């Protein structure tokens, strides 16, 4: 990636999306849109909210924000790069970061 972030903003090809998903267990392509999604389960609301807080800090630092919703101990996430009109390397990086944070926060 160059300093302007151009390569991270380029939409991934179908082949690149498939390769990325092989590296992201638990993530899936969403039907009807160029995005990936995953559901995270935690012990309780507090752990789920802690996960969201940590992800929010990482997302803000990366200037890349998820679509998500939380119901009690479940956090459902959708990643896509709206500015690029689809899935980019930025989404893959955030998904990997979310997986690491989820593990540290006790995701089931």
PDB file of N, CA and C in Angstrom:
ATOM      1  N   UNK A   1       0.844  -1.174   0.000  1.00  0.00           N
ATOM      2  CA  UNK A   1       0.000   0.000   0.000  1.00  0.00           C
ATOM      3  C   UNK A   1       0.887   1.234   0.000  1.00  0.00           C
ATOM      4  N   UNK A   2       0.527   2.236  -0.790  1.00  0.00           N
ATOM      5  CA  UNK A   2       1.291   3.476  -0.768  1.00  0.00           C
ATOM      6  C   UNK A   2       0.731   4.402   0.307  1.00  0.00           C
ATOM      7  N   UNK A   3       1.376   5.571   0.493  1.00  0.00           N
ATOM      8  CA  UNK A   3       0.970   6.482   1.561  1.00  0.00           C
ATOM      9  C   UNK A   3      -0.450   6.998   1.402  1.00  0.00           C
ATOM     10  N   UNK A   4      -0.955   7.048   0.188  1.00  0.00           N
ATOM     11  CA  UNK A   4      -2.307   7.562  -0.012  1.00  0.00           C
ATOM     12  C   UNK A   4      -3.366   6.510   0.257  1.00  0.00           C
ATOM     13  N   UNK A   5      -2.946   5.249   0.473  1.00  0.00           N
ATOM     14  CA  UNK A   5      -3.889   4.197   0.783  1.00  0.00           C
ATOM     15  C   UNK A   5      -4.624   3.642  -0.419  1.00  0.00           C
ATOM     16  N   UNK A   6      -4.133   3.958  -1.649  1.00  0.00           N
ATOM     17  CA  UNK A   6      -4.854   3.558  -2.850  1.00  0.00           C
ATOM     18  C   UNK A   6      -5.074   2.059  -2.952  1.00  0.00           C
ATOM     19  N   UNK A   7      -4.053   1.244  -2.702  1.00  0.00           N
ATOM     20  CA  UNK A   7      -4.229  -0.189  -2.877  1.00  0.00           C
ATOM     21  C   UNK A   7      -5.208  -0.764  -1.864  1.00  0.00           C
ATOM     22  N   UNK A   8      -5.296  -0.173  -0.681  1.00  0.00           N
ATOM     23  CA  UNK A   8      -6.235  -0.669   0.310  1.00  0.00           C
ATOM     24  C   UNK A   8      -7.668  -0.288  -0.041  1.00  0.00           C
ATOM     25  N   UNK A   9      -7.843   0.680  -0.929  1.00  0.00           N
ATOM     26  CA  UNK A   9      -9.176   1.129  -1.325  1.00  0.00           C
ATOM     27  C   UNK A   9      -9.648   0.481  -2.621  1.00  0.00           C
ATOM     28  N   UNK A  10      -8.804  -0.303  -3.266  1.00  0.00           N
ATOM     29  CA  UNK A  10      -9.207  -0.979  -4.500  1.00  0.00           C
ATOM     30  C   UNK A  10     -10.091  -2.169  -4.147  1.00  0.00           C
ATOM     31  N   UNK A  11     -11.198  -2.305  -4.848  1.00  0.00           N
ATOM     32  CA  UNK A  11     -12.093  -3.439  -4.612  1.00  0.00           C
ATOM     33  C   UNK A  11     -11.372  -4.741  -4.943  1.00  0.00           C
ATOM     34  N   UNK A  12     -11.621  -5.742  -4.119  1.00  0.00           N
ATOM     35  CA  UNK A  12     -11.031  -7.055  -4.348  1.00  0.00           C
ATOM     36  C   UNK A  12     -11.779  -7.765  -5.468  1.00  0.00           C
ATOM     37  N   UNK A  13     -11.042  -8.504  -6.281  1.00  0.00           N
ATOM     38  CA  UNK A  13     -11.657  -9.324  -7.320  1.00  0.00           C
ATOM     39  C   UNK A  13     -12.324 -10.524  -6.651  1.00  0.00           C
ATOM     40  N   UNK A  14     -13.111 -11.265  -7.396  1.00  0.00           N
ATOM     41  CA  UNK A  14     -13.766 -12.460  -6.853  1.00  0.00           C
ATOM     42  C   UNK A  14     -12.725 -13.446  -6.331  1.00  0.00           C
ATOM     43  N   UNK A  15     -11.630 -13.615  -7.063  1.00  0.00           N
ATOM     44  CA  UNK A  15     -10.563 -14.522  -6.649  1.00  0.00           C
ATOM     45  C   UNK A  15      -9.914 -14.032  -5.354  1.00  0.00           C
ATOM     46  N   UNK A  16      -9.672 -12.736  -5.256  1.00  0.00           N
ATOM     47  CA  UNK A  16      -9.080 -12.163  -4.048  1.00  0.00           C
ATOM     48  C   UNK A  16     -10.028 -12.295  -2.854  1.00  0.00           C
ATOM     49  N   UNK A  17     -11.332 -12.111  -3.081  1.00  0.00           N
ATOM     50  CA  UNK A  17     -12.310 -12.281  -1.999  1.00  0.00           C
ATOM     51  C   UNK A  17     -12.306 -13.717  -1.488  1.00  0.00           C
ATOM     52  N   UNK A  18     -12.280 -14.674  -2.411  1.00  0.00           N
ATOM     53  CA  UNK A  18     -12.252 -16.092  -2.019  1.00  0.00           C
ATOM     54  C   UNK A  18     -10.998 -16.402  -1.210  1.00  0.00           C
ATOM     55  N   UNK A  19      -9.855 -15.897  -1.650  1.00  0.00           N
ATOM     56  CA  UNK A  19      -8.599 -16.129  -0.934  1.00  0.00           C
ATOM     57  C   UNK A  19      -8.656 -15.499   0.457  1.00  0.00           C
ATOM     58  N   UNK A  20      -9.195 -14.301   0.544  1.00  0.00           N
ATOM     59  CA  UNK A  20      -9.295 -13.619   1.834  1.00  0.00           C
ATOM     60  C   UNK A  20     -10.192 -14.404   2.788  1.00  0.00           C
ATOM     61  N   UNK A  21     -11.299 -14.912   2.291  1.00  0.00           N
ATOM     62  CA  UNK A  21     -12.216 -15.658   3.155  1.00  0.00           C
ATOM     63  C   UNK A  21     -11.603 -16.958   3.661  1.00  0.00           C
ATOM     64  N   UNK A  22     -10.713 -17.542   2.893  1.00  0.00           N
ATOM     65  CA  UNK A  22     -10.015 -18.746   3.369  1.00  0.00           C
ATOM     66  C   UNK A  22      -9.154 -18.426   4.590  1.00  0.00           C
ATOM     67  N   UNK A  23      -8.719 -17.172   4.708  1.00  0.00           N
ATOM     68  CA  UNK A  23      -7.904 -16.743   5.847  1.00  0.00           C
ATOM     69  C   UNK A  23      -8.743 -16.192   6.998  1.00  0.00           C
ATOM     70  N   UNK A  24     -10.064 -16.175   6.824  1.00  0.00           N
ATOM     71  CA  UNK A  24     -10.965 -15.586   7.820  1.00  0.00           C
ATOM     72  C   UNK A  24     -12.047 -16.591   8.238  1.00  0.00           C
ATOM     73  N   UNK A  25     -11.676 -17.589   9.027  1.00  0.00           N
ATOM     74  CA  UNK A  25     -12.684 -18.565   9.462  1.00  0.00           C
ATOM     75  C   UNK A  25     -13.840 -17.868  10.187  1.00  0.00           C
ATOM     76  N   UNK A  26     -15.041 -18.293   9.889  1.00  0.00           N
ATOM     77  CA  UNK A  26     -16.215 -17.709  10.532  1.00  0.00           C
ATOM     78  C   UNK A  26     -16.842 -16.573   9.739  1.00  0.00           C
ATOM     79  N   UNK A  27     -16.097 -15.987   8.828  1.00  0.00           N
ATOM     80  CA  UNK A  27     -16.614 -14.913   7.983  1.00  0.00           C
ATOM     81  C   UNK A  27     -17.215 -15.516   6.722  1.00  0.00           C
ATOM     82  N   UNK A  28     -18.210 -14.843   6.158  1.00  0.00           N
ATOM     83  CA  UNK A  28     -18.870 -15.325   4.945  1.00  0.00           C
ATOM     84  C   UNK A  28     -19.213 -14.145   4.041  1.00  0.00           C
ATOM     85  N   UNK A  29     -19.302 -14.432   2.747  1.00  0.00           N
ATOM     86  CA  UNK A  29     -19.790 -13.406   1.822  1.00  0.00           C
ATOM     87  C   UNK A  29     -21.281 -13.246   2.031  1.00  0.00           C
ATOM     88  N   UNK A  30     -21.762 -12.040   1.938  1.00  0.00           N
ATOM     89  CA  UNK A  30     -23.185 -11.788   2.121  1.00  0.00           C
ATOM     90  C   UNK A  30     -23.889 -11.772   0.775  1.00  0.00           C
ATOM     91  N   UNK A  31     -24.993 -12.450   0.715  1.00  0.00           N
ATOM     92  CA  UNK A  31     -25.757 -12.522  -0.523  1.00  0.00           C
ATOM     93  C   UNK A  31     -26.356 -11.161  -0.855  1.00  0.00           C
ATOM     94  N   UNK A  32     -26.234 -10.785  -2.104  1.00  0.00           N
ATOM     95  CA  UNK A  32     -26.854  -9.548  -2.563  1.00  0.00           C
ATOM     96  C   UNK A  32     -26.030  -8.292  -2.386  1.00  0.00           C
ATOM     97  N   UNK A  33     -24.831  -8.425  -1.816  1.00  0.00           N
ATOM     98  CA  UNK A  33     -23.954  -7.260  -1.701  1.00  0.00           C
ATOM     99  C   UNK A  33     -22.513  -7.702  -1.603  1.00  0.00           C
ATOM    100  N   UNK A  34     -21.631  -6.808  -1.966  1.00  0.00           N
ATOM    101  CA  UNK A  34     -20.201  -7.102  -1.913  1.00  0.00           C
ATOM    102  C   UNK A  34     -19.698  -6.742  -0.523  1.00  0.00           C
ATOM    103  N   UNK A  35     -19.878  -7.702   0.392  1.00  0.00           N
ATOM    104  CA  UNK A  35     -19.542  -7.496   1.797  1.00  0.00           C
ATOM    105  C   UNK A  35     -19.324  -8.856   2.442  1.00  0.00           C
ATOM    106  N   UNK A  36     -18.662  -8.817   3.605  1.00  0.00           N
ATOM    107  CA  UNK A  36     -18.512 -10.022   4.399  1.00  0.00           C
ATOM    108  C   UNK A  36     -19.158  -9.797   5.751  1.00  0.00           C
ATOM    109  N   UNK A  37     -19.563 -10.881   6.389  1.00  0.00           N
ATOM    110  CA  UNK A  37     -20.214 -10.767   7.680  1.00  0.00           C
ATOM    111  C   UNK A  37     -19.823 -11.887   8.611  1.00  0.00           C
ATOM    112  N   UNK A  38     -20.050 -11.634   9.881  1.00  0.00           N
ATOM    113  CA  UNK A  38     -19.787 -12.636  10.905  1.00  0.00           C
ATOM    114  C   UNK A  38     -20.596 -12.289  12.146  1.00  0.00           C
ATOM    115  N   UNK A  39     -20.951 -13.316  12.883  1.00  0.00           N
ATOM    116  CA  UNK A  39     -21.618 -13.158  14.164  1.00  0.00           C
ATOM    117  C   UNK A  39     -20.671 -13.622  15.259  1.00  0.00           C
ATOM    118  N   UNK A  40     -20.493 -12.799  16.275  1.00  0.00           N
ATOM    119  CA  UNK A  40     -19.655 -13.137  17.423  1.00  0.00           C
ATOM    120  C   UNK A  40     -20.557 -13.361  18.638  1.00  0.00           C
ATOM    121  N   UNK A  41     -20.265 -14.380  19.413  1.00  0.00           N
ATOM    122  CA  UNK A  41     -21.003 -14.696  20.631  1.00  0.00           C
ATOM    123  C   UNK A  41     -20.076 -14.549  21.835  1.00  0.00           C
ATOM    124  N   UNK A  42     -20.583 -13.925  22.883  1.00  0.00           N
ATOM    125  CA  UNK A  42     -19.818 -13.724  24.100  1.00  0.00           C
ATOM    126  C   UNK A  42     -20.585 -14.290  25.291  1.00  0.00           C
ATOM    127  N   UNK A  43     -19.933 -14.329  26.444  1.00  0.00           N
ATOM    128  CA  UNK A  43     -20.554 -14.877  27.648  1.00  0.00           C
ATOM    129  C   UNK A  43     -21.778 -14.068  28.060  1.00  0.00           C
ATOM    130  N   UNK A  44     -21.673 -12.740  27.918  1.00  0.00           N
ATOM    131  CA  UNK A  44     -22.769 -11.876  28.356  1.00  0.00           C
ATOM    132  C   UNK A  44     -22.664 -10.520  27.642  1.00  0.00           C
ATOM    133  N   UNK A  45     -23.582  -9.643  27.963  1.00  0.00           N
ATOM    134  CA  UNK A  45     -23.621  -8.319  27.343  1.00  0.00           C
ATOM    135  C   UNK A  45     -22.342  -7.534  27.611  1.00  0.00           C
ATOM    136  N   UNK A  46     -21.830  -7.618  28.825  1.00  0.00           N
ATOM    137  CA  UNK A  46     -20.637  -6.859  29.184  1.00  0.00           C
ATOM    138  C   UNK A  46     -19.438  -7.236  28.304  1.00  0.00           C
ATOM    139  N   UNK A  47     -19.238  -8.531  28.072  1.00  0.00           N
ATOM    140  CA  UNK A  47     -18.141  -8.962  27.205  1.00  0.00           C
ATOM    141  C   UNK A  47     -18.381  -8.524  25.758  1.00  0.00           C
ATOM    142  N   UNK A  48     -19.624  -8.595  25.305  1.00  0.00           N
ATOM    143  CA  UNK A  48     -19.948  -8.161  23.942  1.00  0.00           C
ATOM    144  C   UNK A  48     -19.675  -6.666  23.791  1.00  0.00           C
ATOM    145  N   UNK A  49     -20.083  -5.890  24.781  1.00  0.00           N
ATOM    146  CA  UNK A  49     -19.877  -4.450  24.716  1.00  0.00           C
ATOM    147  C   UNK A  49     -18.397  -4.098  24.821  1.00  0.00           C
ATOM    148  N   UNK A  50     -17.657  -4.846  25.632  1.00  0.00           N
ATOM    149  CA  UNK A  50     -16.205  -4.638  25.719  1.00  0.00           C
ATOM    150  C   UNK A  50     -15.536  -4.871  24.373  1.00  0.00           C
ATOM    151  N   UNK A  51     -15.967  -5.935  23.685  1.00  0.00           N
ATOM    152  CA  UNK A  51     -15.467  -6.218  22.336  1.00  0.00           C
ATOM    153  C   UNK A  51     -15.756  -5.042  21.409  1.00  0.00           C
ATOM    154  N   UNK A  52     -16.986  -4.559  21.434  1.00  0.00           N
ATOM    155  CA  UNK A  52     -17.358  -3.453  20.546  1.00  0.00           C
ATOM    156  C   UNK A  52     -16.538  -2.197  20.848  1.00  0.00           C
ATOM    157  N   UNK A  53     -16.281  -1.955  22.111  1.00  0.00           N
ATOM    158  CA  UNK A  53     -15.492  -0.786  22.496  1.00  0.00           C
ATOM    159  C   UNK A  53     -14.074  -0.886  21.951  1.00  0.00           C
ATOM    160  N   UNK A  54     -13.469  -2.057  22.105  1.00  0.00           N
ATOM    161  CA  UNK A  54     -12.099  -2.247  21.608  1.00  0.00           C
ATOM    162  C   UNK A  54     -12.051  -2.152  20.081  1.00  0.00           C
ATOM    163  N   UNK A  55     -13.042  -2.742  19.424  1.00  0.00           N
ATOM    164  CA  UNK A  55     -13.090  -2.656  17.962  1.00  0.00           C
ATOM    165  C   UNK A  55     -13.301  -1.209  17.525  1.00  0.00           C
ATOM    166  N   UNK A  56     -14.148  -0.483  18.233  1.00  0.00           N
ATOM    167  CA  UNK A  56     -14.397   0.916  17.873  1.00  0.00           C
ATOM    168  C   UNK A  56     -13.102   1.724  17.901  1.00  0.00           C
ATOM    169  N   UNK A  57     -12.259   1.481  18.885  1.00  0.00           N
ATOM    170  CA  UNK A  57     -10.980   2.194  18.963  1.00  0.00           C
ATOM    171  C   UNK A  57     -10.072   1.823  17.792  1.00  0.00           C
ATOM    172  N   UNK A  58     -10.000   0.531  17.467  1.00  0.00           N
ATOM    173  CA  UNK A  58      -9.175   0.084  16.331  1.00  0.00           C
ATOM    174  C   UNK A  58      -9.737   0.619  15.019  1.00  0.00           C
ATOM    175  N   UNK A  59     -11.051   0.612  14.881  1.00  0.00           N
ATOM    176  CA  UNK A  59     -11.688   1.095  13.653  1.00  0.00           C
ATOM    177  C   UNK A  59     -11.459   2.589  13.464  1.00  0.00           C
ATOM    178  N   UNK A  60     -11.560   3.318  14.538  1.00  0.00           N
ATOM    179  CA  UNK A  60     -11.331   4.765  14.459  1.00  0.00           C
ATOM    180  C   UNK A  60      -9.889   5.060  14.063  1.00  0.00           C
ATOM    181  N   UNK A  61      -8.960   4.319  14.650  1.00  0.00           N
ATOM    182  CA  UNK A  61      -7.546   4.500  14.313  1.00  0.00           C
ATOM    183  C   UNK A  61      -7.296   4.204  12.833  1.00  0.00           C
ATOM    184  N   UNK A  62      -7.980   3.191  12.296  1.00  0.00           N
ATOM    185  CA  UNK A  62      -7.822   2.807  10.890  1.00  0.00           C
ATOM    186  C   UNK A  62      -8.699   3.649   9.965  1.00  0.00           C
ATOM    187  N   UNK A  63      -9.544   4.493  10.533  1.00  0.00           N
ATOM    188  CA  UNK A  63     -10.520   5.286   9.773  1.00  0.00           C
ATOM    189  C   UNK A  63     -11.358   4.378   8.853  1.00  0.00           C
ATOM    190  N   UNK A  64     -11.789   3.267   9.435  1.00  0.00           N
ATOM    191  CA  UNK A  64     -12.605   2.299   8.699  1.00  0.00           C
ATOM    192  C   UNK A  64     -13.579   1.673   9.687  1.00  0.00           C
ATOM    193  N   UNK A  65     -14.864   1.830   9.440  1.00  0.00           N
ATOM    194  CA  UNK A  65     -15.860   1.524  10.460  1.00  0.00           C
ATOM    195  C   UNK A  65     -16.827   0.428  10.011  1.00  0.00           C
ATOM    196  N   UNK A  66     -17.145  -0.488  10.925  1.00  0.00           N
ATOM    197  CA  UNK A  66     -18.041  -1.593  10.581  1.00  0.00           C
ATOM    198  C   UNK A  66     -19.509  -1.183  10.630  1.00  0.00           C
ATOM    199  N   UNK A  67     -20.324  -1.974   9.965  1.00  0.00           N
ATOM    200  CA  UNK A  67     -21.766  -1.954  10.194  1.00  0.00           C
ATOM    201  C   UNK A  67     -21.970  -3.058  11.220  1.00  0.00           C
ATOM    202  N   UNK A  68     -22.672  -2.782  12.288  1.00  0.00           N
ATOM    203  CA  UNK A  68     -22.870  -3.830  13.280  1.00  0.00           C
ATOM    204  C   UNK A  68     -24.104  -3.590  14.107  1.00  0.00           C
ATOM    205  N   UNK A  69     -24.506  -4.672  14.786  1.00  0.00           N
ATOM    206  CA  UNK A  69     -25.621  -4.568  15.715  1.00  0.00           C
ATOM    207  C   UNK A  69     -25.340  -5.515  16.867  1.00  0.00           C
ATOM    208  N   UNK A  70     -25.834  -5.138  18.021  1.00  0.00           N
ATOM    209  CA  UNK A  70     -25.622  -5.911  19.240  1.00  0.00           C
ATOM    210  C   UNK A  70     -26.961  -6.222  19.878  1.00  0.00           C
ATOM    211  N   UNK A  71     -27.184  -7.496  20.167  1.00  0.00           N
ATOM    212  CA  UNK A  71     -28.330  -7.928  20.960  1.00  0.00           C
ATOM    213  C   UNK A  71     -27.777  -8.821  22.059  1.00  0.00           C
ATOM    214  N   UNK A  72     -27.878  -8.353  23.269  1.00  0.00           N
ATOM    215  CA  UNK A  72     -27.391  -9.012  24.474  1.00  0.00           C
ATOM    216  C   UNK A  72     -25.948  -9.487  24.305  1.00  0.00           C
ATOM    217  N   UNK A  73     -25.712 -10.771  24.071  1.00  0.00           N
ATOM    218  CA  UNK A  73     -24.340 -11.293  24.018  1.00  0.00           C
ATOM    219  C   UNK A  73     -23.841 -11.537  22.598  1.00  0.00           C
ATOM    220  N   UNK A  74     -24.636 -11.122  21.611  1.00  0.00           N
ATOM    221  CA  UNK A  74     -24.304 -11.344  20.207  1.00  0.00           C
ATOM    222  C   UNK A  74     -23.981 -10.022  19.524  1.00  0.00           C
ATOM    223  N   UNK A  75     -22.900 -10.039  18.742  1.00  0.00           N
ATOM    224  CA  UNK A  75     -22.542  -8.883  17.915  1.00  0.00           C
ATOM    225  C   UNK A  75     -22.479  -9.386  16.475  1.00  0.00           C
ATOM    226  N   UNK A  76     -23.315  -8.818  15.615  1.00  0.00           N
ATOM    227  CA  UNK A  76     -23.320  -9.156  14.198  1.00  0.00           C
ATOM    228  C   UNK A  76     -22.634  -8.036  13.436  1.00  0.00           C
ATOM    229  N   UNK A  77     -21.696  -8.430  12.566  1.00  0.00           N
ATOM    230  CA  UNK A  77     -20.838  -7.462  11.883  1.00  0.00           C
ATOM    231  C   UNK A  77     -20.942  -7.633  10.375  1.00  0.00           C
ATOM    232  N   UNK A  78     -20.958  -6.508   9.666  1.00  0.00           N
ATOM    233  CA  UNK A  78     -20.851  -6.478   8.209  1.00  0.00           C
ATOM    234  C   UNK A  78     -19.711  -5.529   7.875  1.00  0.00           C
ATOM    235  N   UNK A  79     -18.824  -5.985   6.985  1.00  0.00           N
ATOM    236  CA  UNK A  79     -17.717  -5.141   6.537  1.00  0.00           C
ATOM    237  C   UNK A  79     -17.781  -4.965   5.029  1.00  0.00           C
ATOM    238  N   UNK A  80     -17.692  -3.738   4.602  1.00  0.00           N
ATOM    239  CA  UNK A  80     -17.585  -3.352   3.204  1.00  0.00           C
ATOM    240  C   UNK A  80     -17.004  -1.944   3.192  1.00  0.00           C
ATOM    241  N   UNK A  81     -16.398  -1.562   2.098  1.00  0.00           N
ATOM    242  CA  UNK A  81     -15.849  -0.204   1.993  1.00  0.00           C
ATOM    243  C   UNK A  81     -16.792   0.605   1.118  1.00  0.00           C
ATOM    244  N   UNK A  82     -17.608   1.413   1.760  1.00  0.00           N
ATOM    245  CA  UNK A  82     -18.630   2.169   1.028  1.00  0.00           C
ATOM    246  C   UNK A  82     -18.020   3.076  -0.034  1.00  0.00           C
ATOM    247  N   UNK A  83     -16.899   3.730   0.292  1.00  0.00           N
ATOM    248  CA  UNK A  83     -16.264   4.643  -0.663  1.00  0.00           C
ATOM    249  C   UNK A  83     -15.792   3.932  -1.926  1.00  0.00           C
ATOM    250  N   UNK A  84     -15.470   2.630  -1.811  1.00  0.00           N
ATOM    251  CA  UNK A  84     -14.989   1.860  -2.967  1.00  0.00           C
ATOM    252  C   UNK A  84     -16.121   1.066  -3.624  1.00  0.00           C
ATOM    253  N   UNK A  85     -17.266   1.014  -2.974  1.00  0.00           N
ATOM    254  CA  UNK A  85     -18.392   0.283  -3.537  1.00  0.00           C
ATOM    255  C   UNK A  85     -18.288  -1.226  -3.396  1.00  0.00           C
ATOM    256  N   UNK A  86     -17.513  -1.696  -2.416  1.00  0.00           N
ATOM    257  CA  UNK A  86     -17.396  -3.133  -2.221  1.00  0.00           C
ATOM    258  C   UNK A  86     -16.282  -3.492  -1.255  1.00  0.00           C
ATOM    259  N   UNK A  87     -15.916  -4.744  -1.275  1.00  0.00           N
ATOM    260  CA  UNK A  87     -14.929  -5.281  -0.358  1.00  0.00           C
ATOM    261  C   UNK A  87     -13.514  -4.880  -0.777  1.00  0.00           C
ATOM    262  N   UNK A  88     -12.717  -4.422   0.205  1.00  0.00           N
ATOM    263  CA  UNK A  88     -11.338  -4.026  -0.051  1.00  0.00           C
ATOM    264  C   UNK A  88     -10.423  -4.659   0.992  1.00  0.00           C
ATOM    265  N   UNK A  89      -9.134  -4.429   0.806  1.00  0.00           N
ATOM    266  CA  UNK A  89      -8.133  -4.924   1.753  1.00  0.00           C
ATOM    267  C   UNK A  89      -8.380  -4.352   3.148  1.00  0.00           C
ATOM    268  N   UNK A  90      -8.922  -3.158   3.234  1.00  0.00           N
ATOM    269  CA  UNK A  90      -9.212  -2.548   4.535  1.00  0.00           C
ATOM    270  C   UNK A  90     -10.202  -3.396   5.326  1.00  0.00           C
ATOM    271  N   UNK A  91     -11.176  -3.989   4.625  1.00  0.00           N
ATOM    272  CA  UNK A  91     -12.154  -4.845   5.294  1.00  0.00           C
ATOM    273  C   UNK A  91     -11.497  -6.112   5.828  1.00  0.00           C
ATOM    274  N   UNK A  92     -10.599  -6.675   5.041  1.00  0.00           N
ATOM    275  CA  UNK A  92      -9.893  -7.888   5.452  1.00  0.00           C
ATOM    276  C   UNK A  92      -9.043  -7.599   6.692  1.00  0.00           C
ATOM    277  N   UNK A  93      -8.346  -6.483   6.695  1.00  0.00           N
ATOM    278  CA  UNK A  93      -7.522  -6.122   7.850  1.00  0.00           C
ATOM    279  C   UNK A  93      -8.378  -5.909   9.095  1.00  0.00           C
ATOM    280  N   UNK A  94      -9.517  -5.242   8.950  1.00  0.00           N
ATOM    281  CA  UNK A  94     -10.387  -5.018  10.101  1.00  0.00           C
ATOM    282  C   UNK A  94     -10.996  -6.332  10.579  1.00  0.00           C
ATOM    283  N   UNK A  95     -11.351  -7.223   9.666  1.00  0.00           N
ATOM    284  CA  UNK A  95     -11.886  -8.535  10.061  1.00  0.00           C
ATOM    285  C   UNK A  95     -10.852  -9.304  10.873  1.00  0.00           C
ATOM    286  N   UNK A  96      -9.602  -9.289  10.441  1.00  0.00           N
ATOM    287  CA  UNK A  96      -8.540  -9.979  11.182  1.00  0.00           C
ATOM    288  C   UNK A  96      -8.355  -9.360  12.568  1.00  0.00           C
ATOM    289  N   UNK A  97      -8.390  -8.036  12.633  1.00  0.00           N
ATOM    290  CA  UNK A  97      -8.270  -7.356  13.921  1.00  0.00           C
ATOM    291  C   UNK A  97      -9.443  -7.715  14.825  1.00  0.00           C
ATOM    292  N   UNK A  98     -10.646  -7.774  14.262  1.00  0.00           N
ATOM    293  CA  UNK A  98     -11.820  -8.125  15.055  1.00  0.00           C
ATOM    294  C   UNK A  98     -11.713  -9.549  15.588  1.00  0.00           C
ATOM    295  N   UNK A  99     -11.202 -10.471  14.788  1.00  0.00           N
ATOM    296  CA  UNK A  99     -11.015 -11.840  15.245  1.00  0.00           C
ATOM    297  C   UNK A  99     -10.059 -11.900  16.431  1.00  0.00           C
ATOM    298  N   UNK A 100      -8.968 -11.153  16.350  1.00  0.00           N
ATOM    299  CA  UNK A 100      -7.992 -11.117  17.440  1.00  0.00           C
ATOM    300  C   UNK A 100      -8.606 -10.521  18.690  1.00  0.00           C
ATOM    301  N   UNK A 101      -9.325  -9.426  18.542  1.00  0.00           N
ATOM    302  CA  UNK A 101      -9.968  -8.775  19.695  1.00  0.00           C
ATOM    303  C   UNK A 101     -11.031  -9.700  20.288  1.00  0.00           C
ATOM    304  N   UNK A 102     -11.806 -10.362  19.445  1.00  0.00           N
ATOM    305  CA  UNK A 102     -12.858 -11.274  19.928  1.00  0.00           C
ATOM    306  C   UNK A 102     -12.256 -12.398  20.766  1.00  0.00           C
ATOM    307  N   UNK A 103     -11.146 -12.925  20.304  1.00  0.00           N
ATOM    308  CA  UNK A 103     -10.480 -14.001  21.050  1.00  0.00           C
ATOM    309  C   UNK A 103     -10.061 -13.518  22.420  1.00  0.00           C
ATOM    310  N   UNK A 104      -9.514 -12.319  22.473  1.00  0.00           N
ATOM    311  CA  UNK A 104      -9.071 -11.740  23.756  1.00  0.00           C
ATOM    312  C   UNK A 104     -10.243 -11.417  24.672  1.00  0.00           C
ATOM    313  N   UNK A 105     -11.414 -11.168  24.082  1.00  0.00           N
ATOM    314  CA  UNK A 105     -12.600 -10.803  24.861  1.00  0.00           C
ATOM    315  C   UNK A 105     -13.460 -12.010  25.216  1.00  0.00           C
ATOM    316  N   UNK A 106     -13.001 -13.208  24.887  1.00  0.00           N
ATOM    317  CA  UNK A 106     -13.723 -14.404  25.296  1.00  0.00           C
ATOM    318  C   UNK A 106     -14.839 -14.853  24.384  1.00  0.00           C
ATOM    319  N   UNK A 107     -14.746 -14.529  23.095  1.00  0.00           N
ATOM    320  CA  UNK A 107     -15.792 -14.976  22.152  1.00  0.00           C
ATOM    321  C   UNK A 107     -15.870 -16.488  22.152  1.00  0.00           C
ATOM    322  N   UNK A 108     -17.104 -16.959  22.034  1.00  0.00           N
ATOM    323  CA  UNK A 108     -17.337 -18.418  21.996  1.00  0.00           C
ATOM    324  C   UNK A 108     -17.108 -18.947  20.597  1.00  0.00           C
TER     325      UNK A 108
END
